[in-house]
Amino acid sequence: MINGTPFTVRCNLTFGDIYGQVLAWMAVVFVSLAAGLGLMGSSRPVFALVGVGLILVLSLPFLLFAFVTTLLNHIQLEPEQIE
């Protein structure tokens, strides 16, 4: 066993840290749904479904990357106080 300093893991992430990301994701969802509804009246409504799906699928990795990097930036390792 290696004797070293024990650490505690603390996460100080708050909702305010990801609030902008949540709003951006909701904007992407609403814009894609609006575009889909706009295209639904055309002669080929399949394009509307493909467009909405494509927008959501392509934006999801960027959203997950933003969430994960924000979370990792708020994780701290603090040495425990040895008494």
Protein backbone atom coordinates (compact mmCIF):
# COMPACT_ATOMS: atom_id res chain seq x y z
CA MET A 1 0.00 0.00 0.00
CA ILE A 2 1.30 3.44 -0.90
CA ASN A 3 1.15 6.02 1.86
CA GLY A 4 0.19 9.40 0.48
CA THR A 5 -2.12 12.28 1.05
CA PRO A 6 -5.79 11.27 0.84
CA PHE A 7 -7.97 13.47 -1.30
CA THR A 8 -11.66 14.30 -1.29
CA VAL A 9 -13.56 14.91 -4.49
CA ARG A 10 -15.80 17.97 -4.48
CA CYS A 11 -18.09 19.21 -7.24
CA ASN A 12 -19.20 22.83 -7.01
CA LEU A 13 -21.38 22.80 -10.15
CA THR A 14 -24.55 24.86 -9.89
CA PHE A 15 -27.47 25.27 -12.23
CA GLY A 16 -26.28 28.77 -13.07
CA ASP A 17 -23.15 27.27 -14.62
CA ILE A 18 -25.13 25.32 -17.21
CA TYR A 19 -28.10 27.67 -17.57
CA GLY A 20 -26.83 29.16 -20.85
CA GLN A 21 -26.22 25.72 -22.31
CA VAL A 22 -29.76 24.62 -21.43
CA LEU A 23 -31.19 27.75 -23.07
CA ALA A 24 -29.09 27.20 -26.20
CA TRP A 25 -30.26 23.58 -26.47
CA MET A 26 -33.88 24.63 -26.06
CA ALA A 27 -33.40 27.24 -28.80
CA VAL A 28 -31.99 24.58 -31.14
CA VAL A 29 -34.95 22.30 -30.41
CA PHE A 30 -37.52 25.03 -31.00
CA VAL A 31 -35.85 26.25 -34.19
CA SER A 32 -35.69 22.73 -35.59
CA LEU A 33 -39.33 22.11 -34.71
CA ALA A 34 -40.33 25.41 -36.31
CA ALA A 35 -38.40 24.49 -39.46
CA GLY A 36 -40.05 21.08 -39.48
CA LEU A 37 -43.51 22.57 -39.16
CA GLY A 38 -42.69 25.05 -41.90
CA LEU A 39 -41.61 22.28 -44.23
CA MET A 40 -44.53 20.04 -43.28
CA GLY A 41 -46.85 21.91 -45.63
CA SER A 42 -44.63 21.22 -48.63
CA SER A 43 -45.25 18.45 -51.11
CA ARG A 44 -42.68 16.20 -49.39
CA PRO A 45 -43.13 16.16 -45.62
CA VAL A 46 -40.40 13.52 -45.28
CA PHE A 47 -37.89 16.35 -45.72
CA ALA A 48 -39.33 17.99 -42.64
CA LEU A 49 -38.79 14.90 -40.49
CA VAL A 50 -35.31 14.34 -41.89
CA GLY A 51 -34.41 17.98 -41.27
CA VAL A 52 -35.56 17.95 -37.66
CA GLY A 53 -33.81 14.65 -36.99
CA LEU A 54 -30.62 15.83 -38.63
CA ILE A 55 -30.51 19.05 -36.63
CA LEU A 56 -31.11 17.25 -33.35
CA VAL A 57 -28.65 14.43 -34.04
CA LEU A 58 -25.88 16.78 -35.18
CA SER A 59 -26.29 19.19 -32.26
CA LEU A 60 -26.45 16.54 -29.53
CA PRO A 61 -22.68 15.75 -29.47
CA PHE A 62 -21.86 19.44 -29.07
CA LEU A 63 -24.32 19.74 -26.19
CA LEU A 64 -22.91 16.68 -24.44
CA PHE A 65 -19.36 17.96 -24.93
CA ALA A 66 -20.32 21.30 -23.37
CA PHE A 67 -22.02 19.61 -20.40
CA VAL A 68 -19.16 17.19 -19.74
CA THR A 69 -16.42 19.82 -20.00
CA THR A 70 -18.37 22.16 -17.70
CA LEU A 71 -18.78 19.36 -15.19
CA LEU A 72 -15.12 18.39 -15.33
CA ASN A 73 -14.07 22.01 -14.83
CA HIS A 74 -16.02 22.12 -11.56
CA ILE A 75 -14.58 18.96 -9.98
CA GLN A 76 -11.89 19.63 -7.42
CA LEU A 77 -9.50 17.33 -5.58
CA GLU A 78 -8.76 18.69 -2.12
CA PRO A 79 -6.28 17.14 0.31
CA GLU A 80 -7.87 15.93 3.53
CA GLN A 81 -6.74 17.37 6.82
CA ILE A 82 -4.79 14.76 8.76
CA GLU A 83 -5.20 15.12 12.52
